[in-house]
Amino acid sequence: MGDDMGESQTLTLPISLPVILALYIMLAAIQNPNSSLAVWSSIFPSSLLS
């Protein structure tokens, strides 16, 4: 049972990393909606990351 907990904890980083990246992009796009980051992230949405 301990191995299952360890394996599940190692899988949380690849799952949560795109979510954290999308939140960072969202906050940056709210502050400056005409930035190149906001434009490119609207062309290639974060749903492609996951």
C-alpha atoms as a PDB file:
ATOM      1  CA  MET A   1       0.000   0.000   0.000  1.00  0.00           C
ATOM      2  CA  GLY A   2       2.931   2.307   0.616  1.00  0.00           C
ATOM      3  CA  ASP A   3       4.080   1.847  -2.975  1.00  0.00           C
ATOM      4  CA  ASP A   4       0.700   2.971  -4.273  1.00  0.00           C
ATOM      5  CA  MET A   5       0.909   6.203  -2.286  1.00  0.00           C
ATOM      6  CA  GLY A   6       4.417   6.886  -3.564  1.00  0.00           C
ATOM      7  CA  GLU A   7       3.417   6.244  -7.152  1.00  0.00           C
ATOM      8  CA  SER A   8       0.379   8.493  -6.893  1.00  0.00           C
ATOM      9  CA  GLN A   9       2.489  11.307  -5.445  1.00  0.00           C
ATOM     10  CA  THR A  10       4.947  11.103  -8.322  1.00  0.00           C
ATOM     11  CA  LEU A  11       2.095  11.359 -10.808  1.00  0.00           C
ATOM     12  CA  THR A  12       0.699  14.566  -9.304  1.00  0.00           C
ATOM     13  CA  LEU A  13       3.522  16.783 -10.593  1.00  0.00           C
ATOM     14  CA  PRO A  14       2.991  16.083 -14.332  1.00  0.00           C
ATOM     15  CA  ILE A  15      -0.733  16.557 -13.860  1.00  0.00           C
ATOM     16  CA  SER A  16      -0.540  19.777 -11.847  1.00  0.00           C
ATOM     17  CA  LEU A  17       2.242  21.423 -13.880  1.00  0.00           C
ATOM     18  CA  PRO A  18       0.031  22.331 -16.895  1.00  0.00           C
ATOM     19  CA  VAL A  19      -2.613  23.678 -14.521  1.00  0.00           C
ATOM     20  CA  ILE A  20      -0.082  25.921 -12.775  1.00  0.00           C
ATOM     21  CA  LEU A  21       1.268  27.060 -16.142  1.00  0.00           C
ATOM     22  CA  ALA A  22      -2.243  27.879 -17.365  1.00  0.00           C
ATOM     23  CA  LEU A  23      -2.946  29.901 -14.216  1.00  0.00           C
ATOM     24  CA  TYR A  24       0.281  31.860 -14.688  1.00  0.00           C
ATOM     25  CA  ILE A  25      -0.610  32.594 -18.315  1.00  0.00           C
ATOM     26  CA  MET A  26      -4.124  33.621 -17.288  1.00  0.00           C
ATOM     27  CA  LEU A  27      -2.847  36.087 -14.683  1.00  0.00           C
ATOM     28  CA  ALA A  28      -0.318  37.546 -17.110  1.00  0.00           C
ATOM     29  CA  ALA A  29      -2.983  37.864 -19.831  1.00  0.00           C
ATOM     30  CA  ILE A  30      -5.369  39.646 -17.470  1.00  0.00           C
ATOM     31  CA  GLN A  31      -2.703  42.213 -16.603  1.00  0.00           C
ATOM     32  CA  ASN A  32      -1.703  42.796 -20.240  1.00  0.00           C
ATOM     33  CA  PRO A  33      -4.215  41.371 -22.735  1.00  0.00           C
ATOM     34  CA  ASN A  34      -2.307  42.627 -25.790  1.00  0.00           C
ATOM     35  CA  SER A  35       0.968  40.927 -24.882  1.00  0.00           C
ATOM     36  CA  SER A  36       2.461  38.288 -27.122  1.00  0.00           C
ATOM     37  CA  LEU A  37       1.994  35.697 -24.359  1.00  0.00           C
ATOM     38  CA  ALA A  38      -1.751  36.371 -24.282  1.00  0.00           C
ATOM     39  CA  VAL A  39      -2.020  36.288 -28.067  1.00  0.00           C
ATOM     40  CA  TRP A  40      -0.060  33.052 -28.504  1.00  0.00           C
ATOM     41  CA  SER A  41      -1.828  31.319 -25.617  1.00  0.00           C
ATOM     42  CA  SER A  42      -5.158  32.161 -27.223  1.00  0.00           C
ATOM     43  CA  ILE A  43      -3.967  30.649 -30.508  1.00  0.00           C
ATOM     44  CA  PHE A  44      -2.583  27.535 -28.796  1.00  0.00           C
ATOM     45  CA  PRO A  45      -4.824  27.012 -25.762  1.00  0.00           C
ATOM     46  CA  SER A  46      -3.586  25.291 -22.624  1.00  0.00           C
ATOM     47  CA  SER A  47      -5.872  22.350 -23.274  1.00  0.00           C
ATOM     48  CA  LEU A  48      -3.223  21.217 -25.750  1.00  0.00           C
ATOM     49  CA  LEU A  49      -0.759  20.936 -22.878  1.00  0.00           C
ATOM     50  CA  SER A  50      -2.674  18.310 -20.989  1.00  0.00           C
END
